[in-house]
């Protein structure tokens, strides 16, 4: 509940306990979020295969166009309010400000719902125009109309999840959005498959599953903060919330805009085949960075709370510890992607192996992004959203310039190099901004350990690749990756763990002992 506040004036021992609690909480919540994302990815893959086989290429294409329209509408309707809910609920909950929490919930959920209804109504009303004039496909009309209906449902689940994350409850959104929603949808698809499945049914199952998830999120939110109270008891600060949410919203729109534009540039200035290969490489990259993304998500409310009470010392400690964990996980992923890009891409088909060098460059971009720390999260959660917007504009201009310069010359490779330079530029910029604003850096002496373990593992990899005689297919990747991971883990254990790492290990050991004792007692 919202009695989690920590008094500003605390002793040194109390401060250490608070820091340890926050670090353990971030590790636990990050692990839960990561596991949820992996489960979601697996179920989505199964669902995509089933839906594609049931619909065929033609209807599946229309279904994806309708979903893309829904995603754009959700991005417009959320209006950055999911991030605003995380920040302000975390701050107000730590202050035990129930009126402020209630008002923030009303503003965030209420405004996002209103915008989603307006956006969904526009899509519904313009369905004929969009289908016939924009997409040149009259059969899209019912799909777009259903899309307009489900937009409010999809938006609702996003803002409710943001509210629960503000209360530092990462488990509830994981259960509702990453486990319950995809499983319910998969079950509905399997049931409908016996009665005749079409693209409208695919959209309908998406909306109904999200409605079920939203109901579950409301139940969880009511457990965390009772919603049975008078609307008038709230203190609503529209101006503060919108001053935060609007720059966040514009920044996120710019990021999405660049992703779509880069695909168009690659398709127009290179080849459609290059678009397909780059898309697969980007999807692999997205999966590889899920751990750092999960840690960043779990750290958001903690950063907001620590900044509110001006505890720069603990914020810096979390900045460094979270960065080290993210890099520790990313290094073996980076090594695998750099050493075995062609076998990894061959899993999608032999025609994709032409993107091997591009995948290696994208892996380097991911390592650079992870290795520069959660600067973007700190800028967001400390309220510097206008700076975030400026960064997004710089990022868009730089990336578009690099795309136009490099793609015509180098094609697919040019797109990867543009991504590397663009990611390096924006993340180094954020690193310097965080240092300038708060005098914090994401590195300390313990950071040397994973770097050393990574260098030794990479050196060992050349021996393995030279002397180990294995088939060049999937078995080759699995066997060599297993050996490299064993070397990396061995070096990490040999160099020892920091007090923060030991606190997390102690927590995991304690939970495992409880689970073992419970099972052995049955």
Protein backbone atom coordinates (compact mmCIF):
# COMPACT_ATOMS: atom_id res chain seq x y z
CA UNK A 1 0.00 0.00 0.00
CA UNK A 2 1.05 3.62 0.08
CA UNK A 3 2.69 3.48 3.48
CA UNK A 4 6.08 2.77 1.87
CA UNK A 5 7.52 6.21 2.48
CA UNK A 6 10.99 6.52 3.96
CA UNK A 7 11.78 9.48 6.14
CA UNK A 8 14.21 11.95 4.60
CA UNK A 9 16.36 12.24 7.67
CA UNK A 10 17.74 8.76 8.14
CA UNK A 11 20.82 7.38 9.81
CA UNK A 12 23.71 5.84 7.88
CA UNK A 13 22.62 2.29 8.74
CA UNK A 14 19.02 3.07 7.81
CA UNK A 15 20.21 4.53 4.52
CA UNK A 16 22.19 1.35 3.77
CA UNK A 17 19.15 -0.82 4.54
CA UNK A 18 17.00 1.39 2.32
CA UNK A 19 19.51 1.14 -0.51
CA UNK A 20 19.71 -2.63 -0.16
CA UNK A 21 15.90 -2.92 -0.16
CA UNK A 22 15.61 -0.82 -3.30
CA UNK A 23 18.33 -2.76 -5.12
CA UNK A 24 16.80 -6.12 -4.19
CA UNK A 25 13.36 -4.82 -5.23
CA UNK A 26 14.66 -3.65 -8.61
CA UNK A 27 16.37 -6.99 -9.19
CA UNK A 28 13.26 -8.94 -8.17
CA UNK A 29 10.84 -6.80 -10.17
CA UNK A 30 13.21 -6.70 -13.14
CA UNK A 31 13.44 -10.48 -13.08
CA UNK A 32 9.66 -10.81 -12.93
CA UNK A 33 9.24 -8.37 -15.82
CA UNK A 34 11.92 -10.13 -17.87
CA UNK A 35 10.33 -13.54 -17.30
CA UNK A 36 6.95 -12.08 -18.25
CA UNK A 37 8.33 -10.56 -21.46
CA UNK A 38 9.96 -13.84 -22.44
CA UNK A 39 6.71 -15.71 -21.81
CA UNK A 40 4.79 -13.10 -23.80
CA UNK A 41 7.23 -13.39 -26.71
CA UNK A 42 6.88 -17.18 -26.76
CA UNK A 43 3.05 -17.13 -26.67
CA UNK A 44 2.95 -14.36 -29.29
CA UNK A 45 5.14 -16.43 -31.57
CA UNK A 46 2.83 -19.44 -31.24
CA UNK A 47 -0.21 -17.20 -31.73
CA UNK A 48 1.30 -15.55 -34.81
CA UNK A 49 2.01 -18.94 -36.40
CA UNK A 50 -1.53 -20.21 -35.70
CA UNK A 51 -3.22 -17.00 -36.88
CA UNK A 52 -1.07 -16.86 -40.02
CA UNK A 53 -1.94 -20.46 -40.90
CA UNK A 54 -5.65 -19.93 -40.22
CA UNK A 55 -5.90 -16.69 -42.18
CA UNK A 56 -3.46 -17.13 -45.03
CA UNK A 57 -1.16 -14.43 -46.38
CA UNK A 58 -3.95 -12.20 -47.74
CA UNK A 59 -6.10 -11.95 -44.61
CA UNK A 60 -3.04 -11.98 -42.36
CA UNK A 61 -1.76 -8.90 -44.19
CA UNK A 62 -5.07 -7.09 -43.64
CA UNK A 63 -5.06 -8.12 -39.99
CA UNK A 64 -1.57 -6.64 -39.51
CA UNK A 65 -2.59 -3.39 -41.22
CA UNK A 66 -5.53 -3.09 -38.80
CA UNK A 67 -3.28 -3.81 -35.82
CA UNK A 68 -0.73 -1.22 -37.01
CA UNK A 69 -3.56 1.32 -37.16
CA UNK A 70 -4.56 0.35 -33.62
CA UNK A 71 -0.98 0.76 -32.35
CA UNK A 72 -0.76 4.26 -33.82
CA UNK A 73 -4.10 5.17 -32.25
CA UNK A 74 -3.01 3.84 -28.85
CA UNK A 75 0.22 5.83 -29.04
CA UNK A 76 -1.80 8.99 -29.70
CA UNK A 77 -4.39 8.27 -26.99
CA UNK A 78 -2.02 7.30 -24.16
CA UNK A 79 -0.52 10.80 -24.44
CA UNK A 80 2.47 9.94 -22.25
CA UNK A 81 0.12 9.50 -19.28
CA UNK A 82 1.34 5.97 -18.51
CA UNK A 83 4.80 7.42 -17.73
CA UNK A 84 3.23 10.32 -15.82
CA UNK A 85 1.33 7.85 -13.63
CA UNK A 86 4.53 5.97 -12.81
CA UNK A 87 6.37 9.14 -11.76
CA UNK A 88 3.69 10.99 -9.80
CA UNK A 89 2.10 8.00 -8.10
CA UNK A 90 5.56 6.86 -6.94
CA UNK A 91 6.26 10.32 -5.49
CA UNK A 92 2.82 10.82 -3.91
CA UNK A 93 2.70 7.28 -2.51
CA UNK A 94 6.07 7.81 -0.82
CA UNK A 95 4.66 11.00 0.75
CA UNK A 96 1.47 9.18 1.82
CA UNK A 97 -0.48 11.74 -0.18
CA UNK A 98 -3.71 9.83 -0.85
CA UNK A 99 -5.53 12.86 -2.28
CA UNK A 100 -2.69 13.41 -4.74
CA UNK A 101 -2.65 9.73 -5.74
CA UNK A 102 -6.41 9.70 -6.25
CA UNK A 103 -6.25 12.87 -8.35
CA UNK A 104 -3.38 11.57 -10.47
CA UNK A 105 -5.31 8.36 -11.13
CA UNK A 106 -8.38 10.33 -12.19
CA UNK A 107 -6.40 12.58 -14.54
CA UNK A 108 -4.27 9.81 -16.05
CA UNK A 109 -6.96 7.18 -16.56
CA UNK A 110 -9.76 9.64 -17.31
CA UNK A 111 -7.95 11.74 -19.93
CA UNK A 112 -6.41 8.70 -21.65
CA UNK A 113 -9.82 7.01 -21.81
CA UNK A 114 -11.44 10.15 -23.27
CA UNK A 115 -8.69 10.49 -25.89
CA UNK A 116 -8.94 6.80 -26.79
CA UNK A 117 -12.71 7.08 -27.32
CA UNK A 118 -12.17 10.11 -29.59
CA UNK A 119 -9.37 8.37 -31.50
CA UNK A 120 -11.34 5.12 -31.82
CA UNK A 121 -14.41 7.04 -33.04
CA UNK A 122 -12.30 8.73 -35.74
CA UNK A 123 -11.00 5.36 -36.95
CA UNK A 124 -14.51 3.89 -36.95
CA UNK A 125 -15.91 6.89 -38.82
CA UNK A 126 -13.06 7.00 -41.35
CA UNK A 127 -12.99 3.22 -41.91
CA UNK A 128 -14.41 3.45 -45.45
CA UNK A 129 -12.06 6.30 -46.41
CA UNK A 130 -8.96 4.60 -44.98
CA UNK A 131 -9.80 1.23 -46.53
CA UNK A 132 -10.63 2.47 -50.03
CA UNK A 133 -8.44 5.57 -50.42
CA UNK A 134 -5.37 4.95 -48.23
CA UNK A 135 -5.00 1.15 -48.33
CA UNK A 136 -7.00 0.52 -51.56
CA UNK A 137 -8.65 -2.51 -49.98
CA UNK A 138 -12.45 -2.29 -49.32
CA UNK A 139 -12.34 -5.55 -47.32
CA UNK A 140 -10.49 -3.68 -44.58
CA UNK A 141 -13.64 -1.73 -43.59
CA UNK A 142 -15.00 -4.14 -40.91
CA UNK A 143 -11.49 -4.71 -39.52
CA UNK A 144 -10.89 -0.98 -39.12
CA UNK A 145 -14.31 -0.54 -37.53
CA UNK A 146 -13.53 -3.26 -34.99
CA UNK A 147 -10.12 -1.63 -34.47
CA UNK A 148 -11.84 1.64 -33.57
CA UNK A 149 -13.97 -0.20 -31.00
CA UNK A 150 -11.03 -1.92 -29.26
CA UNK A 151 -8.70 1.13 -29.08
CA UNK A 152 -10.19 2.31 -25.73
CA UNK A 153 -9.71 -1.19 -24.29
CA UNK A 154 -6.07 -1.36 -25.35
CA UNK A 155 -5.38 2.16 -24.06
CA UNK A 156 -7.02 1.44 -20.72
CA UNK A 157 -4.74 -1.51 -20.00
CA UNK A 158 -1.63 0.62 -20.73
CA UNK A 159 -2.51 3.41 -18.29
CA UNK A 160 -3.68 1.00 -15.59
CA UNK A 161 -0.37 -0.86 -15.89
CA UNK A 162 1.46 2.47 -15.54
CA UNK A 163 -0.48 3.25 -12.35
CA UNK A 164 0.43 -0.10 -10.79
CA UNK A 165 4.09 0.38 -11.69
CA UNK A 166 3.92 3.69 -9.87
CA UNK A 167 3.01 1.69 -6.76
CA UNK A 168 6.12 -0.45 -7.48
CA UNK A 169 3.95 -3.45 -8.32
CA UNK A 170 5.62 -4.83 -11.43
CA UNK A 171 4.14 -8.28 -10.83
CA UNK A 172 0.53 -7.23 -11.41
CA UNK A 173 1.03 -5.84 -14.95
CA UNK A 174 3.15 -8.90 -15.78
CA UNK A 175 0.37 -11.26 -14.65
CA UNK A 176 -2.38 -9.34 -16.47
CA UNK A 177 -0.63 -8.16 -19.66
CA UNK A 178 2.19 -10.64 -20.23
CA UNK A 179 0.57 -13.88 -19.02
CA UNK A 180 -3.22 -13.66 -18.68
CA UNK A 181 -3.98 -11.58 -21.80
CA UNK A 182 -1.95 -13.61 -24.35
CA UNK A 183 -3.10 -16.95 -22.90
CA UNK A 184 -6.78 -15.92 -22.96
CA UNK A 185 -6.38 -14.71 -26.54
CA UNK A 186 -4.66 -17.93 -27.62
CA UNK A 187 -7.45 -20.02 -26.07
CA UNK A 188 -10.14 -17.94 -27.85
CA UNK A 189 -8.31 -18.32 -31.17
CA UNK A 190 -8.08 -22.11 -30.76
CA UNK A 191 -11.80 -22.31 -29.88
CA UNK A 192 -12.83 -20.08 -32.82
CA UNK A 193 -10.61 -22.09 -35.17
CA UNK A 194 -13.21 -24.89 -35.07
CA UNK A 195 -16.05 -22.54 -36.08
CA UNK A 196 -14.39 -20.73 -38.98
CA UNK A 197 -11.73 -18.16 -38.19
CA UNK A 198 -11.24 -14.91 -40.11
CA UNK A 199 -9.41 -11.57 -39.74
CA UNK A 200 -12.35 -9.94 -37.90
CA UNK A 201 -12.23 -12.73 -35.32
CA UNK A 202 -8.47 -12.14 -34.90
CA UNK A 203 -9.08 -8.45 -34.08
CA UNK A 204 -12.02 -9.33 -31.84
CA UNK A 205 -9.97 -11.79 -29.76
CA UNK A 206 -7.31 -9.09 -29.32
CA UNK A 207 -9.87 -6.65 -27.89
CA UNK A 208 -11.69 -9.16 -25.67
CA UNK A 209 -8.43 -10.49 -24.20
CA UNK A 210 -7.32 -6.94 -23.43
CA UNK A 211 -10.70 -6.19 -21.81
CA UNK A 212 -10.15 -9.21 -19.55
CA UNK A 213 -6.66 -7.94 -18.71
CA UNK A 214 -8.03 -4.45 -17.93
CA UNK A 215 -10.61 -5.91 -15.52
CA UNK A 216 -7.83 -7.81 -13.79
CA UNK A 217 -5.68 -4.65 -13.60
CA UNK A 218 -8.57 -2.71 -12.03
CA UNK A 219 -8.92 -5.48 -9.44
CA UNK A 220 -5.19 -5.32 -8.66
CA UNK A 221 -5.25 -1.51 -8.50
CA UNK A 222 -8.14 -1.61 -6.04
CA UNK A 223 -6.13 -4.00 -3.86
CA UNK A 224 -3.19 -1.59 -3.84
CA UNK A 225 -5.21 1.62 -3.47
CA UNK A 226 -8.93 1.48 -2.68
CA UNK A 227 -10.97 2.98 -5.51
CA UNK A 228 -14.14 3.10 -3.39
CA UNK A 229 -13.89 6.74 -2.41
CA UNK A 230 -15.51 9.99 -3.35
CA UNK A 231 -14.32 11.60 -6.58
CA UNK A 232 -14.30 14.97 -4.82
CA UNK A 233 -11.66 13.94 -2.27
CA UNK A 234 -8.97 14.03 -4.97
CA UNK A 235 -6.45 16.78 -5.65
CA UNK A 236 -5.97 16.99 -9.40
CA UNK A 237 -2.93 18.79 -10.81
CA UNK A 238 -3.62 18.84 -14.55
CA UNK A 239 -0.89 21.33 -15.38
CA UNK A 240 1.96 19.44 -13.70
CA UNK A 241 0.88 16.11 -15.20
CA UNK A 242 0.51 17.50 -18.72
CA UNK A 243 3.80 19.42 -18.53
CA UNK A 244 5.38 16.01 -17.93
CA UNK A 245 3.31 13.85 -20.28
CA UNK A 246 3.22 15.99 -23.43
CA UNK A 247 7.02 16.03 -24.03
CA UNK A 248 7.17 12.30 -23.23
CA UNK A 249 4.37 11.65 -25.72
CA UNK A 250 6.00 13.72 -28.45
CA UNK A 251 9.34 11.98 -27.83
CA UNK A 252 7.80 8.52 -28.12
CA UNK A 253 5.99 9.53 -31.31
CA UNK A 254 9.30 10.69 -32.81
CA UNK A 255 10.95 7.36 -31.96
CA UNK A 256 8.10 5.42 -33.61
CA UNK A 257 8.20 7.80 -36.56
CA UNK A 258 11.90 7.13 -37.12
CA UNK A 259 11.44 3.35 -37.02
CA UNK A 260 8.83 3.48 -39.76
CA UNK A 261 10.75 6.05 -41.83
CA UNK A 262 13.98 3.99 -41.70
CA UNK A 263 12.06 1.02 -43.13
CA UNK A 264 10.66 3.20 -45.91
CA UNK A 265 14.11 4.65 -46.72
CA UNK A 266 15.65 1.18 -46.83
CA UNK A 267 12.86 -0.03 -49.09
CA UNK A 268 12.97 2.95 -51.44
CA UNK A 269 16.75 3.42 -51.64
CA UNK A 270 17.76 -0.24 -51.45
CA UNK A 271 15.69 -3.42 -51.87
CA UNK A 272 12.58 -5.00 -50.36
CA UNK A 273 14.76 -8.01 -49.49
CA UNK A 274 16.99 -5.70 -47.45
CA UNK A 275 13.91 -4.52 -45.53
CA UNK A 276 13.02 -8.11 -44.65
CA UNK A 277 16.54 -9.01 -43.51
CA UNK A 278 16.93 -5.81 -41.47
CA UNK A 279 13.53 -6.39 -39.87
CA UNK A 280 14.56 -9.88 -38.71
CA UNK A 281 17.91 -8.57 -37.39
CA UNK A 282 16.09 -5.80 -35.52
CA UNK A 283 13.69 -8.31 -33.95
CA UNK A 284 16.61 -10.43 -32.73
CA UNK A 285 18.16 -7.25 -31.31
CA UNK A 286 14.92 -6.37 -29.54
CA UNK A 287 14.78 -9.75 -27.81
CA UNK A 288 18.45 -9.51 -26.81
CA UNK A 289 17.92 -6.25 -24.88
CA UNK A 290 14.82 -7.37 -22.96
CA UNK A 291 16.70 -7.84 -19.68
CA UNK A 292 18.04 -4.29 -19.53
CA UNK A 293 14.61 -3.00 -20.57
CA UNK A 294 13.03 -4.96 -17.69
CA UNK A 295 15.52 -3.60 -15.15
CA UNK A 296 14.89 -0.05 -16.40
CA UNK A 297 11.12 -0.50 -16.10
CA UNK A 298 11.39 -1.72 -12.50
CA UNK A 299 13.74 1.16 -11.61
CA UNK A 300 11.41 3.94 -12.81
CA UNK A 301 9.31 4.47 -9.65
CA UNK A 302 12.38 4.09 -7.41
CA UNK A 303 14.26 6.79 -9.34
CA UNK A 304 11.24 9.12 -9.14
CA UNK A 305 10.93 8.61 -5.38
CA UNK A 306 14.66 9.06 -4.69
CA UNK A 307 14.80 12.25 -6.76
CA UNK A 308 11.77 13.61 -4.91
CA UNK A 309 13.60 13.27 -1.60
CA UNK A 310 16.89 14.50 -3.13
CA UNK A 311 18.78 11.29 -2.31
CA UNK A 312 21.42 11.53 -5.03
CA UNK A 313 23.73 9.10 -3.26
CA UNK A 314 21.29 6.20 -3.42
CA UNK A 315 20.13 7.16 -6.91
CA UNK A 316 23.73 6.99 -8.08
CA UNK A 317 24.20 3.60 -6.45
CA UNK A 318 21.15 2.22 -8.26
CA UNK A 319 22.33 3.83 -11.51
CA UNK A 320 25.67 2.00 -11.25
CA UNK A 321 24.34 -1.32 -9.96
CA UNK A 322 21.55 -1.60 -12.53
CA UNK A 323 23.98 -0.71 -15.32
CA UNK A 324 26.45 -3.36 -14.21
CA UNK A 325 23.74 -6.04 -14.11
CA UNK A 326 22.47 -5.08 -17.55
CA UNK A 327 25.99 -5.21 -19.00
CA UNK A 328 26.72 -8.55 -17.28
CA UNK A 329 23.74 -10.09 -19.09
CA UNK A 330 24.32 -8.26 -22.38
CA UNK A 331 27.99 -9.24 -22.82
CA UNK A 332 27.43 -12.99 -23.51
CA UNK A 333 24.51 -12.08 -25.79
CA UNK A 334 26.77 -9.66 -27.66
CA UNK A 335 29.54 -12.27 -28.00
CA UNK A 336 27.10 -14.87 -29.35
CA UNK A 337 25.57 -12.46 -31.89
CA UNK A 338 28.99 -11.27 -33.07
CA UNK A 339 30.55 -14.74 -33.40
CA UNK A 340 27.57 -16.62 -34.85
CA UNK A 341 25.41 -14.11 -36.76
CA UNK A 342 24.92 -16.27 -39.86
CA UNK A 343 23.78 -19.45 -38.02
CA UNK A 344 21.37 -17.33 -35.91
CA UNK A 345 19.86 -15.69 -38.99
CA UNK A 346 19.68 -19.04 -40.81
CA UNK A 347 17.00 -20.10 -38.31
CA UNK A 348 14.69 -17.75 -40.23
CA UNK A 349 15.83 -19.12 -43.60
CA UNK A 350 19.02 -19.24 -45.64
CA UNK A 351 18.03 -16.06 -47.51
CA UNK A 352 18.46 -14.05 -44.30
CA UNK A 353 22.15 -14.91 -43.77
CA UNK A 354 23.19 -11.97 -45.98
CA UNK A 355 22.48 -9.81 -42.93
CA UNK A 356 25.20 -11.45 -40.77
CA UNK A 357 27.51 -8.42 -40.69
CA UNK A 358 24.56 -6.09 -40.13
CA UNK A 359 23.45 -8.22 -37.14
CA UNK A 360 26.95 -7.99 -35.62
CA UNK A 361 26.89 -4.20 -35.96
CA UNK A 362 23.41 -4.01 -34.42
CA UNK A 363 24.69 -6.18 -31.53
CA UNK A 364 27.46 -3.63 -30.94
CA UNK A 365 24.85 -0.84 -30.98
CA UNK A 366 22.83 -2.75 -28.34
CA UNK A 367 25.89 -3.21 -26.14
CA UNK A 368 26.67 0.51 -26.39
CA UNK A 369 23.08 1.41 -25.55
CA UNK A 370 23.01 -0.89 -22.53
CA UNK A 371 26.54 0.00 -21.43
CA UNK A 372 25.84 3.74 -21.16
CA UNK A 373 23.26 3.14 -18.45
CA UNK A 374 19.68 4.17 -17.83
CA UNK A 375 20.30 7.85 -18.60
CA UNK A 376 17.02 8.14 -20.49
CA UNK A 377 15.05 6.71 -17.55
CA UNK A 378 16.71 9.12 -15.09
CA UNK A 379 15.95 12.09 -17.35
CA UNK A 380 12.30 10.96 -17.61
CA UNK A 381 11.65 10.13 -13.97
CA UNK A 382 13.33 13.27 -12.62
CA UNK A 383 10.97 15.44 -14.65
CA UNK A 384 13.31 16.68 -17.39
CA UNK A 385 10.86 15.72 -20.11
CA UNK A 386 11.56 18.80 -22.24
CA UNK A 387 15.18 17.70 -22.37
CA UNK A 388 13.94 14.26 -23.40
CA UNK A 389 12.01 15.87 -26.26
CA UNK A 390 15.08 17.82 -27.41
CA UNK A 391 17.09 14.59 -27.34
CA UNK A 392 14.44 12.84 -29.42
CA UNK A 393 14.51 15.61 -32.02
CA UNK A 394 18.33 15.44 -32.21
CA UNK A 395 18.10 11.66 -32.47
CA UNK A 396 15.53 11.80 -35.28
CA UNK A 397 17.48 14.39 -37.30
CA UNK A 398 20.79 12.55 -36.84
CA UNK A 399 19.33 9.14 -37.70
CA UNK A 400 17.48 10.37 -40.76
CA UNK A 401 20.60 12.13 -41.99
CA UNK A 402 22.68 8.99 -41.47
CA UNK A 403 20.05 6.81 -43.17
CA UNK A 404 19.92 9.05 -46.24
CA UNK A 405 23.73 9.25 -46.37
CA UNK A 406 24.62 5.60 -45.76
CA UNK A 407 21.76 3.43 -47.08
CA UNK A 408 22.21 4.39 -50.76
CA UNK A 409 25.93 3.61 -50.49
CA UNK A 410 25.95 0.47 -48.37
CA UNK A 411 22.33 -0.70 -48.33
CA UNK A 412 21.51 -3.04 -45.43
CA UNK A 413 24.96 -2.51 -43.91
CA UNK A 414 24.43 1.26 -44.11
CA UNK A 415 21.20 0.97 -42.10
CA UNK A 416 23.05 -0.99 -39.40
CA UNK A 417 25.94 1.51 -39.27
CA UNK A 418 23.41 4.37 -39.08
CA UNK A 419 21.75 2.62 -36.12
CA UNK A 420 25.14 2.16 -34.40
CA UNK A 421 26.19 5.81 -34.81
CA UNK A 422 22.72 7.10 -33.93
CA UNK A 423 22.40 4.98 -30.77
CA UNK A 424 25.95 5.85 -29.75
CA UNK A 425 25.30 9.57 -30.18
CA UNK A 426 22.06 9.74 -28.21
CA UNK A 427 23.17 7.46 -25.37
CA UNK A 428 26.50 9.20 -24.86
CA UNK A 429 24.61 12.50 -24.91
CA UNK A 430 22.27 11.23 -22.16
CA UNK A 431 25.26 10.01 -20.14
CA UNK A 432 26.83 13.50 -20.19
CA UNK A 433 23.47 15.15 -19.43
CA UNK A 434 22.90 13.01 -16.33
CA UNK A 435 26.42 13.82 -15.15
CA UNK A 436 25.87 17.55 -15.75
CA UNK A 437 22.50 17.58 -13.95
CA UNK A 438 23.22 15.24 -11.03
CA UNK A 439 26.97 14.54 -11.06
CA UNK A 440 26.24 10.83 -11.49
CA UNK A 441 27.98 8.29 -13.71
CA UNK A 442 26.91 4.67 -14.38
CA UNK A 443 30.33 3.18 -13.62
CA UNK A 444 32.35 2.18 -10.56
CA UNK A 445 35.20 -0.21 -9.88
CA UNK A 446 32.95 -3.29 -9.85
CA UNK A 447 32.15 -2.60 -13.51
CA UNK A 448 35.65 -3.86 -14.39
CA UNK A 449 34.69 -7.44 -13.46
CA UNK A 450 32.09 -8.15 -16.19
CA UNK A 451 34.27 -6.34 -18.75
CA UNK A 452 37.26 -8.54 -17.83
CA UNK A 453 35.12 -11.68 -17.89
CA UNK A 454 33.80 -10.66 -21.31
CA UNK A 455 37.27 -10.04 -22.76
CA UNK A 456 38.53 -13.42 -21.52
CA UNK A 457 35.42 -15.15 -22.88
CA UNK A 458 35.86 -13.46 -26.26
CA UNK A 459 39.51 -14.56 -26.36
CA UNK A 460 38.41 -18.11 -25.51
CA UNK A 461 35.88 -17.98 -28.32
CA UNK A 462 38.58 -17.82 -30.97
CA UNK A 463 40.12 -21.01 -29.55
CA UNK A 464 36.71 -22.71 -29.56
CA UNK A 465 35.94 -21.62 -33.12
CA UNK A 466 39.39 -22.74 -34.30
CA UNK A 467 39.70 -26.12 -32.62
CA UNK A 468 36.18 -27.36 -31.99
CA UNK A 469 34.86 -29.45 -34.91
CA UNK A 470 31.11 -29.09 -35.04
CA UNK A 471 28.46 -28.76 -37.70
CA UNK A 472 27.77 -25.16 -38.72
CA UNK A 473 24.05 -25.29 -37.95
CA UNK A 474 21.91 -24.89 -34.86
CA UNK A 475 23.88 -27.49 -32.87
CA UNK A 476 27.05 -25.48 -33.57
CA UNK A 477 25.48 -22.32 -32.11
CA UNK A 478 24.03 -24.07 -29.05
CA UNK A 479 27.18 -26.04 -28.21
CA UNK A 480 29.57 -23.13 -28.63
CA UNK A 481 27.28 -20.72 -26.83
CA UNK A 482 27.04 -23.16 -23.93
CA UNK A 483 30.83 -23.41 -23.71
CA UNK A 484 31.29 -19.65 -23.88
CA UNK A 485 28.61 -19.11 -21.26
CA UNK A 486 30.35 -21.59 -18.96
CA UNK A 487 33.63 -19.67 -19.39
CA UNK A 488 31.90 -16.36 -18.74
CA UNK A 489 30.07 -17.60 -15.64
CA UNK A 490 33.23 -19.22 -14.34
CA UNK A 491 35.22 -16.00 -14.69
CA UNK A 492 32.40 -14.00 -13.07
CA UNK A 493 32.27 -16.36 -10.07
CA UNK A 494 36.06 -16.35 -9.80
CA UNK A 495 36.19 -12.54 -9.53
CA UNK A 496 33.49 -12.48 -6.84
CA UNK A 497 30.42 -10.35 -6.23
CA UNK A 498 29.86 -6.87 -4.83
CA UNK A 499 27.76 -6.29 -1.66
CA UNK A 500 24.78 -5.32 -3.85
CA UNK A 501 25.11 -8.57 -5.82
CA UNK A 502 25.39 -10.55 -2.61
CA UNK A 503 22.21 -8.93 -1.28
CA UNK A 504 20.32 -10.07 -4.38
CA UNK A 505 21.87 -13.55 -4.25
CA UNK A 506 20.92 -13.76 -0.57
CA UNK A 507 17.33 -12.83 -1.40
CA UNK A 508 17.16 -15.48 -4.14
CA UNK A 509 18.67 -18.09 -1.83
CA UNK A 510 16.19 -17.19 0.92
CA UNK A 511 13.21 -17.50 -1.44
CA UNK A 512 14.56 -20.80 -2.82
CA UNK A 513 14.99 -22.20 0.71
CA UNK A 514 11.41 -21.23 1.59
CA UNK A 515 10.12 -22.87 -1.57
CA UNK A 516 12.18 -26.01 -0.95
CA UNK A 517 11.03 -26.21 2.68
CA UNK A 518 7.40 -25.78 1.64
CA UNK A 519 7.65 -28.52 -1.01
CA UNK A 520 9.56 -30.92 1.24
CA UNK A 521 6.92 -30.47 3.95
CA UNK A 522 4.13 -31.71 1.71
